[in-house]
Amino acid sequence: MHRFFVPQLYAEEMTIKDVDARHISKVLRMKPGDKIQIVSDDGVTAIAEIVAIESDSVAVRCLEKLAESHEPSVKITLAQGLAKGEKMDFIIQKAVEMGVSSIVPVAMEHSVVRLEGVKAEKKVERWQKIAEAAAKQSKRDIVPQVQQVQTVKEMLANNPVQHKIIAYECEDRLGLKTALQNCGKLDELLLIIGPEGGISEAELQLARENNAVPVSLGRRILRAETAGVVALAAILYETGDLGD
């Protein structure tokens, strides 16, 4: 069943507008009487019936609230060093599918890509659309936010969670599993992944000063677009969110 995020508080009767409305009518060719899933701004998921279709709006009547949650037990923010080409698109799509709550594109010393001003804003708009599409496809209960492009210092200041982990290729003592076990009860986590060129010594030191723990992701060096997905899978497995 197709799922749509409706930027309204839950009500028995709601209206889907603009792009999603046109997708329902023109692409999916749905009709009154067809059923969809909706997710309201206050986090309510429900089965709804289409009652009317106009050119840029679809009126629905909610039939049944759904109690099942599709969100992980741990709220994960992925701070990803800017990667070139379509790699960031891939990272954002897969991170949302995996279950992150937020993504921070980080301009790091060794990032090949340089984004500033209007160019950065347009990229973030594109990435937010990718996040929304991935959230729909994976039946998320939220659309994760793609934050503005930030420096490492800004990212650490803007995401003041208790537990922070930074994947560092030169770390050979502490693995991700042990680091997660050392956290005890885990409600929120900031996961920091570097760009293609890796994390600089200065960035690592700044992360350490903000209580981020350097960890190894194994004996093999992973690409920038692979490391985050691998780390997220390991974190969700360790916290019991990938099934028994």
C-alpha atoms as a PDB file:
ATOM      1  CA  MET A   1       0.000   0.000   0.000  1.00  0.00           C
ATOM      2  CA  HIS A   2       1.385   3.398  -0.985  1.00  0.00           C
ATOM      3  CA  ARG A   3       2.379   5.750   1.854  1.00  0.00           C
ATOM      4  CA  PHE A   4       2.253   9.549   1.867  1.00  0.00           C
ATOM      5  CA  PHE A   5       3.425  12.123   4.408  1.00  0.00           C
ATOM      6  CA  VAL A   6       0.795  14.812   4.983  1.00  0.00           C
ATOM      7  CA  PRO A   7       2.061  18.078   6.541  1.00  0.00           C
ATOM      8  CA  GLN A   8      -1.020  18.453   8.749  1.00  0.00           C
ATOM      9  CA  LEU A   9      -2.059  17.369  12.223  1.00  0.00           C
ATOM     10  CA  TYR A  10      -4.058  14.155  12.199  1.00  0.00           C
ATOM     11  CA  ALA A  11      -7.773  14.495  11.497  1.00  0.00           C
ATOM     12  CA  GLU A  12     -10.465  12.163  10.208  1.00  0.00           C
ATOM     13  CA  GLU A  13     -10.530  14.106   6.948  1.00  0.00           C
ATOM     14  CA  MET A  14      -7.267  15.337   5.388  1.00  0.00           C
ATOM     15  CA  THR A  15      -6.029  16.746   2.083  1.00  0.00           C
ATOM     16  CA  ILE A  16      -2.951  15.682   0.134  1.00  0.00           C
ATOM     17  CA  LYS A  17      -1.664  18.477  -2.108  1.00  0.00           C
ATOM     18  CA  ASP A  18       0.706  19.382  -4.918  1.00  0.00           C
ATOM     19  CA  VAL A  19       3.358  16.821  -5.969  1.00  0.00           C
ATOM     20  CA  ASP A  20       1.943  13.898  -3.999  1.00  0.00           C
ATOM     21  CA  ALA A  21      -1.583  14.673  -5.215  1.00  0.00           C
ATOM     22  CA  ARG A  22      -0.442  14.689  -8.824  1.00  0.00           C
ATOM     23  CA  HIS A  23       1.495  11.464  -8.252  1.00  0.00           C
ATOM     24  CA  ILE A  24      -1.663   9.793  -6.914  1.00  0.00           C
ATOM     25  CA  SER A  25      -3.835  10.945  -9.817  1.00  0.00           C
ATOM     26  CA  LYS A  26      -1.471  11.054 -12.805  1.00  0.00           C
ATOM     27  CA  VAL A  27       1.148   8.378 -12.061  1.00  0.00           C
ATOM     28  CA  LEU A  28      -0.616   5.852  -9.848  1.00  0.00           C
ATOM     29  CA  ARG A  29      -3.987   6.604 -11.494  1.00  0.00           C
ATOM     30  CA  MET A  30      -5.812   5.963  -8.257  1.00  0.00           C
ATOM     31  CA  LYS A  31      -9.518   6.645  -7.909  1.00  0.00           C
ATOM     32  CA  PRO A  32     -12.032   7.448  -5.146  1.00  0.00           C
ATOM     33  CA  GLY A  33     -12.451   4.354  -3.027  1.00  0.00           C
ATOM     34  CA  ASP A  34      -8.795   3.325  -3.287  1.00  0.00           C
ATOM     35  CA  LYS A  35      -6.852   3.074  -0.021  1.00  0.00           C
ATOM     36  CA  ILE A  36      -3.484   4.486   0.949  1.00  0.00           C
ATOM     37  CA  GLN A  37      -1.433   4.963   4.109  1.00  0.00           C
ATOM     38  CA  ILE A  38      -0.892   8.482   5.444  1.00  0.00           C
ATOM     39  CA  VAL A  39       1.521   9.790   8.081  1.00  0.00           C
ATOM     40  CA  SER A  40       0.534  13.092   9.689  1.00  0.00           C
ATOM     41  CA  ASP A  41       2.832  15.791  11.078  1.00  0.00           C
ATOM     42  CA  ASP A  42       2.183  14.597  14.631  1.00  0.00           C
ATOM     43  CA  GLY A  43       3.383  11.096  13.808  1.00  0.00           C
ATOM     44  CA  VAL A  44       0.060   9.305  13.387  1.00  0.00           C
ATOM     45  CA  THR A  45      -0.010   6.585  10.743  1.00  0.00           C
ATOM     46  CA  ALA A  46      -3.377   5.556   9.353  1.00  0.00           C
ATOM     47  CA  ILE A  47      -5.131   3.776   6.521  1.00  0.00           C
ATOM     48  CA  ALA A  48      -7.171   6.260   4.536  1.00  0.00           C
ATOM     49  CA  GLU A  49      -9.689   6.077   1.714  1.00  0.00           C
ATOM     50  CA  ILE A  50      -9.599   8.492  -1.199  1.00  0.00           C
ATOM     51  CA  VAL A  51     -12.906  10.368  -1.391  1.00  0.00           C
ATOM     52  CA  ALA A  52     -12.181  12.978  -4.082  1.00  0.00           C
ATOM     53  CA  ILE A  53      -9.427  13.803  -6.590  1.00  0.00           C
ATOM     54  CA  GLU A  54      -8.837  17.265  -8.062  1.00  0.00           C
ATOM     55  CA  SER A  55      -6.017  18.509 -10.297  1.00  0.00           C
ATOM     56  CA  ASP A  56      -3.655  19.303  -7.401  1.00  0.00           C
ATOM     57  CA  SER A  57      -5.388  17.934  -4.313  1.00  0.00           C
ATOM     58  CA  VAL A  58      -6.675  14.606  -3.042  1.00  0.00           C
ATOM     59  CA  ALA A  59      -9.195  14.435  -0.210  1.00  0.00           C
ATOM     60  CA  VAL A  60      -9.003  11.380   2.049  1.00  0.00           C
ATOM     61  CA  ARG A  61     -10.990   9.997   4.962  1.00  0.00           C
ATOM     62  CA  CYS A  62      -9.007   8.149   7.629  1.00  0.00           C
ATOM     63  CA  LEU A  63     -10.383   4.706   8.442  1.00  0.00           C
ATOM     64  CA  GLU A  64      -7.957   3.163  10.928  1.00  0.00           C
ATOM     65  CA  LYS A  65      -4.952   4.289  12.944  1.00  0.00           C
ATOM     66  CA  LEU A  66      -1.956   1.963  12.809  1.00  0.00           C
ATOM     67  CA  ALA A  67      -0.137   1.384  16.091  1.00  0.00           C
ATOM     68  CA  GLU A  68       2.916  -0.414  14.712  1.00  0.00           C
ATOM     69  CA  SER A  69       6.085   1.697  14.664  1.00  0.00           C
ATOM     70  CA  HIS A  70       8.680   1.448  11.914  1.00  0.00           C
ATOM     71  CA  GLU A  71      11.266   3.552  13.752  1.00  0.00           C
ATOM     72  CA  PRO A  72      14.421   2.216  15.463  1.00  0.00           C
ATOM     73  CA  SER A  73      14.667   2.320  19.252  1.00  0.00           C
ATOM     74  CA  VAL A  74      17.792   4.495  19.003  1.00  0.00           C
ATOM     75  CA  LYS A  75      17.688   7.932  17.385  1.00  0.00           C
ATOM     76  CA  ILE A  76      20.698   8.120  15.065  1.00  0.00           C
ATOM     77  CA  THR A  77      22.111  11.251  13.478  1.00  0.00           C
ATOM     78  CA  LEU A  78      24.534  10.543  10.643  1.00  0.00           C
ATOM     79  CA  ALA A  79      27.202  13.219  10.177  1.00  0.00           C
ATOM     80  CA  GLN A  80      28.596  12.422   6.747  1.00  0.00           C
ATOM     81  CA  GLY A  81      31.682  14.059   5.249  1.00  0.00           C
ATOM     82  CA  LEU A  82      30.774  15.476   1.844  1.00  0.00           C
ATOM     83  CA  ALA A  83      31.333  12.907  -0.893  1.00  0.00           C
ATOM     84  CA  LYS A  84      31.605  13.693  -4.595  1.00  0.00           C
ATOM     85  CA  GLY A  85      29.257  12.953  -7.458  1.00  0.00           C
ATOM     86  CA  GLU A  86      26.182  10.885  -6.749  1.00  0.00           C
ATOM     87  CA  LYS A  87      27.719   9.258  -3.689  1.00  0.00           C
ATOM     88  CA  MET A  88      25.933  11.636  -1.308  1.00  0.00           C
ATOM     89  CA  ASP A  89      22.606  10.801  -2.983  1.00  0.00           C
ATOM     90  CA  PHE A  90      23.299   7.116  -2.390  1.00  0.00           C
ATOM     91  CA  ILE A  91      24.395   7.665   1.215  1.00  0.00           C
ATOM     92  CA  ILE A  92      21.301   9.692   2.083  1.00  0.00           C
ATOM     93  CA  GLN A  93      18.930   7.256   0.413  1.00  0.00           C
ATOM     94  CA  LYS A  94      20.390   4.203   2.145  1.00  0.00           C
ATOM     95  CA  ALA A  95      20.773   5.931   5.524  1.00  0.00           C
ATOM     96  CA  VAL A  96      17.076   6.840   5.492  1.00  0.00           C
ATOM     97  CA  GLU A  97      16.137   3.288   4.519  1.00  0.00           C
ATOM     98  CA  MET A  98      18.253   2.008   7.397  1.00  0.00           C
ATOM     99  CA  GLY A  99      16.507   4.263   9.920  1.00  0.00           C
ATOM    100  CA  VAL A 100      18.497   7.429  10.655  1.00  0.00           C
ATOM    101  CA  SER A 101      16.599  10.329  12.203  1.00  0.00           C
ATOM    102  CA  SER A 102      18.750  13.099  10.739  1.00  0.00           C
ATOM    103  CA  ILE A 103      21.654  13.586   8.342  1.00  0.00           C
ATOM    104  CA  VAL A 104      24.310  16.302   8.547  1.00  0.00           C
ATOM    105  CA  PRO A 105      26.399  16.938   5.415  1.00  0.00           C
ATOM    106  CA  VAL A 106      29.802  17.961   6.801  1.00  0.00           C
ATOM    107  CA  ALA A 107      32.427  20.004   4.959  1.00  0.00           C
ATOM    108  CA  MET A 108      35.682  18.392   6.086  1.00  0.00           C
ATOM    109  CA  GLU A 109      39.319  19.235   5.389  1.00  0.00           C
ATOM    110  CA  HIS A 110      39.754  16.309   3.005  1.00  0.00           C
ATOM    111  CA  SER A 111      36.393  16.675   1.238  1.00  0.00           C
ATOM    112  CA  VAL A 112      36.839  16.954  -2.515  1.00  0.00           C
ATOM    113  CA  VAL A 113      33.453  18.666  -2.841  1.00  0.00           C
ATOM    114  CA  ARG A 114      33.111  22.314  -1.781  1.00  0.00           C
ATOM    115  CA  LEU A 115      29.589  23.597  -1.205  1.00  0.00           C
ATOM    116  CA  GLU A 116      28.705  27.108  -0.098  1.00  0.00           C
ATOM    117  CA  GLY A 117      25.862  29.617  -0.324  1.00  0.00           C
ATOM    118  CA  VAL A 118      23.140  29.021  -2.925  1.00  0.00           C
ATOM    119  CA  LYS A 119      24.848  25.926  -4.291  1.00  0.00           C
ATOM    120  CA  ALA A 120      24.789  24.307  -0.847  1.00  0.00           C
ATOM    121  CA  GLU A 121      21.131  25.257  -0.315  1.00  0.00           C
ATOM    122  CA  LYS A 122      20.106  23.698  -3.636  1.00  0.00           C
ATOM    123  CA  LYS A 123      21.995  20.510  -2.810  1.00  0.00           C
ATOM    124  CA  VAL A 124      20.274  20.256   0.568  1.00  0.00           C
ATOM    125  CA  GLU A 125      16.873  20.740  -1.109  1.00  0.00           C
ATOM    126  CA  ARG A 126      17.703  17.893  -3.487  1.00  0.00           C
ATOM    127  CA  TRP A 127      18.903  15.664  -0.665  1.00  0.00           C
ATOM    128  CA  GLN A 128      15.745  16.372   1.334  1.00  0.00           C
ATOM    129  CA  LYS A 129      13.627  15.187  -1.593  1.00  0.00           C
ATOM    130  CA  ILE A 130      15.730  12.018  -1.780  1.00  0.00           C
ATOM    131  CA  ALA A 131      15.189  11.500   1.957  1.00  0.00           C
ATOM    132  CA  GLU A 132      11.427  11.916   1.569  1.00  0.00           C
ATOM    133  CA  ALA A 133      11.248   9.437  -1.312  1.00  0.00           C
ATOM    134  CA  ALA A 134      13.322   6.902   0.642  1.00  0.00           C
ATOM    135  CA  ALA A 135      11.130   7.388   3.724  1.00  0.00           C
ATOM    136  CA  LYS A 136       8.020   6.641   1.676  1.00  0.00           C
ATOM    137  CA  GLN A 137       9.549   3.574   0.050  1.00  0.00           C
ATOM    138  CA  SER A 138      10.791   2.112   3.335  1.00  0.00           C
ATOM    139  CA  LYS A 139       7.543   2.948   5.186  1.00  0.00           C
ATOM    140  CA  ARG A 140       9.163   5.234   7.735  1.00  0.00           C
ATOM    141  CA  ASP A 141       6.994   7.054  10.264  1.00  0.00           C
ATOM    142  CA  ILE A 142       9.014  10.260   9.790  1.00  0.00           C
ATOM    143  CA  VAL A 143      10.887  12.037   7.041  1.00  0.00           C
ATOM    144  CA  PRO A 144      14.443  12.449   8.383  1.00  0.00           C
ATOM    145  CA  GLN A 145      15.786  15.982   8.172  1.00  0.00           C
ATOM    146  CA  VAL A 146      18.808  16.764   6.028  1.00  0.00           C
ATOM    147  CA  GLN A 147      20.489  19.602   7.883  1.00  0.00           C
ATOM    148  CA  GLN A 148      22.403  22.448   6.273  1.00  0.00           C
ATOM    149  CA  VAL A 149      26.022  21.859   5.246  1.00  0.00           C
ATOM    150  CA  GLN A 150      28.213  22.438   8.319  1.00  0.00           C
ATOM    151  CA  THR A 151      31.814  22.364   9.453  1.00  0.00           C
ATOM    152  CA  VAL A 152      32.889  19.738  11.974  1.00  0.00           C
ATOM    153  CA  LYS A 153      32.823  22.372  14.730  1.00  0.00           C
ATOM    154  CA  GLU A 154      29.293  23.470  13.792  1.00  0.00           C
ATOM    155  CA  MET A 155      28.068  19.882  13.505  1.00  0.00           C
ATOM    156  CA  LEU A 156      29.312  19.006  17.005  1.00  0.00           C
ATOM    157  CA  ALA A 157      27.784  22.167  18.468  1.00  0.00           C
ATOM    158  CA  ASN A 158      24.423  21.690  16.738  1.00  0.00           C
ATOM    159  CA  ASN A 159      24.030  18.013  17.689  1.00  0.00           C
ATOM    160  CA  PRO A 160      24.824  17.858  21.428  1.00  0.00           C
ATOM    161  CA  VAL A 161      23.952  14.223  22.136  1.00  0.00           C
ATOM    162  CA  GLN A 162      25.595  12.239  24.919  1.00  0.00           C
ATOM    163  CA  HIS A 163      26.937   9.383  22.805  1.00  0.00           C
ATOM    164  CA  LYS A 164      29.113  10.103  19.761  1.00  0.00           C
ATOM    165  CA  ILE A 165      31.099   7.683  17.614  1.00  0.00           C
ATOM    166  CA  ILE A 166      33.563   8.591  14.883  1.00  0.00           C
ATOM    167  CA  ALA A 167      34.742   5.942  12.425  1.00  0.00           C
ATOM    168  CA  TYR A 168      38.507   6.313  12.048  1.00  0.00           C
ATOM    169  CA  GLU A 169      40.563   4.140   9.722  1.00  0.00           C
ATOM    170  CA  CYS A 170      43.701   4.301  11.906  1.00  0.00           C
ATOM    171  CA  GLU A 171      41.925   3.130  15.061  1.00  0.00           C
ATOM    172  CA  ASP A 172      43.082  -0.419  15.803  1.00  0.00           C
ATOM    173  CA  ARG A 173      42.130  -0.932  19.442  1.00  0.00           C
ATOM    174  CA  LEU A 174      38.413  -0.226  19.863  1.00  0.00           C
ATOM    175  CA  GLY A 175      35.808  -1.818  17.620  1.00  0.00           C
ATOM    176  CA  LEU A 176      32.281  -0.541  17.037  1.00  0.00           C
ATOM    177  CA  LYS A 177      30.620  -3.398  18.929  1.00  0.00           C
ATOM    178  CA  THR A 178      32.625  -2.794  22.110  1.00  0.00           C
ATOM    179  CA  ALA A 179      32.083   0.962  21.865  1.00  0.00           C
ATOM    180  CA  LEU A 180      28.317   0.444  21.642  1.00  0.00           C
ATOM    181  CA  GLN A 181      28.348  -1.931  24.597  1.00  0.00           C
ATOM    182  CA  ASN A 182      30.274   0.666  26.603  1.00  0.00           C
ATOM    183  CA  CYS A 183      27.471   3.160  25.992  1.00  0.00           C
ATOM    184  CA  GLY A 184      25.024   1.161  28.094  1.00  0.00           C
ATOM    185  CA  LYS A 185      21.410   2.175  27.398  1.00  0.00           C
ATOM    186  CA  LEU A 186      21.450   3.937  24.066  1.00  0.00           C
ATOM    187  CA  ASP A 187      18.675   6.399  23.162  1.00  0.00           C
ATOM    188  CA  GLU A 188      20.538   8.783  20.871  1.00  0.00           C
ATOM    189  CA  LEU A 189      23.748   8.479  18.885  1.00  0.00           C
ATOM    190  CA  LEU A 190      25.798  10.749  16.641  1.00  0.00           C
ATOM    191  CA  LEU A 191      27.676   8.717  14.026  1.00  0.00           C
ATOM    192  CA  ILE A 192      30.483  10.577  12.242  1.00  0.00           C
ATOM    193  CA  ILE A 193      31.790   9.262   8.909  1.00  0.00           C
ATOM    194  CA  GLY A 194      34.562  10.903   6.894  1.00  0.00           C
ATOM    195  CA  PRO A 195      34.742  11.778   3.165  1.00  0.00           C
ATOM    196  CA  GLU A 196      36.842  10.008   0.511  1.00  0.00           C
ATOM    197  CA  GLY A 197      40.019  11.598   1.838  1.00  0.00           C
ATOM    198  CA  GLY A 198      39.374  10.525   5.396  1.00  0.00           C
ATOM    199  CA  ILE A 199      39.271  12.454   8.663  1.00  0.00           C
ATOM    200  CA  SER A 200      42.145  14.812   9.476  1.00  0.00           C
ATOM    201  CA  GLU A 201      44.082  14.720  12.729  1.00  0.00           C
ATOM    202  CA  ALA A 202      42.686  18.135  13.675  1.00  0.00           C
ATOM    203  CA  GLU A 203      39.107  16.961  13.081  1.00  0.00           C
ATOM    204  CA  LEU A 204      39.720  13.808  15.073  1.00  0.00           C
ATOM    205  CA  GLN A 205      41.118  15.838  17.959  1.00  0.00           C
ATOM    206  CA  LEU A 206      38.138  18.211  17.888  1.00  0.00           C
ATOM    207  CA  ALA A 207      35.765  15.236  17.924  1.00  0.00           C
ATOM    208  CA  ARG A 208      37.638  13.724  20.882  1.00  0.00           C
ATOM    209  CA  GLU A 209      37.381  17.021  22.769  1.00  0.00           C
ATOM    210  CA  ASN A 210      33.618  16.798  22.293  1.00  0.00           C
ATOM    211  CA  ASN A 211      33.520  13.243  23.730  1.00  0.00           C
ATOM    212  CA  ALA A 212      33.334  11.416  20.406  1.00  0.00           C
ATOM    213  CA  VAL A 213      34.833   7.924  20.594  1.00  0.00           C
ATOM    214  CA  PRO A 214      37.039   6.785  17.638  1.00  0.00           C
ATOM    215  CA  VAL A 215      36.173   3.265  16.498  1.00  0.00           C
ATOM    216  CA  SER A 216      37.305   0.765  13.899  1.00  0.00           C
ATOM    217  CA  LEU A 217      34.826  -0.646  11.353  1.00  0.00           C
ATOM    218  CA  GLY A 218      36.977  -3.712  10.765  1.00  0.00           C
ATOM    219  CA  ARG A 219      40.225  -4.731   9.104  1.00  0.00           C
ATOM    220  CA  ARG A 220      39.316  -3.475   5.647  1.00  0.00           C
ATOM    221  CA  ILE A 221      39.188   0.154   4.532  1.00  0.00           C
ATOM    222  CA  LEU A 222      35.665   1.035   3.431  1.00  0.00           C
ATOM    223  CA  ARG A 223      34.693   3.646   0.875  1.00  0.00           C
ATOM    224  CA  ALA A 224      32.946   6.800   2.079  1.00  0.00           C
ATOM    225  CA  GLU A 225      29.636   5.626   0.598  1.00  0.00           C
ATOM    226  CA  THR A 226      29.980   2.190   2.225  1.00  0.00           C
ATOM    227  CA  ALA A 227      31.173   3.026   5.730  1.00  0.00           C
ATOM    228  CA  GLY A 228      27.983   4.698   6.935  1.00  0.00           C
ATOM    229  CA  VAL A 229      25.731   1.890   5.716  1.00  0.00           C
ATOM    230  CA  VAL A 230      27.964  -0.759   7.333  1.00  0.00           C
ATOM    231  CA  ALA A 231      28.113   1.153  10.619  1.00  0.00           C
ATOM    232  CA  LEU A 232      24.351   1.748  10.677  1.00  0.00           C
ATOM    233  CA  ALA A 233      23.646  -1.934  10.052  1.00  0.00           C
ATOM    234  CA  ALA A 234      25.992  -2.921  12.883  1.00  0.00           C
ATOM    235  CA  ILE A 235      24.438  -0.382  15.278  1.00  0.00           C
ATOM    236  CA  LEU A 236      20.881  -1.508  14.491  1.00  0.00           C
ATOM    237  CA  TYR A 237      21.876  -5.152  14.850  1.00  0.00           C
ATOM    238  CA  GLU A 238      23.518  -4.483  18.195  1.00  0.00           C
ATOM    239  CA  THR A 239      20.488  -2.565  19.481  1.00  0.00           C
ATOM    240  CA  GLY A 240      18.060  -5.254  18.328  1.00  0.00           C
ATOM    241  CA  ASP A 241      16.403  -3.319  15.517  1.00  0.00           C
ATOM    242  CA  LEU A 242      17.137  -5.789  12.711  1.00  0.00           C
ATOM    243  CA  GLY A 243      14.978  -8.528  14.164  1.00  0.00           C
ATOM    244  CA  ASP A 244      15.650 -11.413  16.560  1.00  0.00           C
END
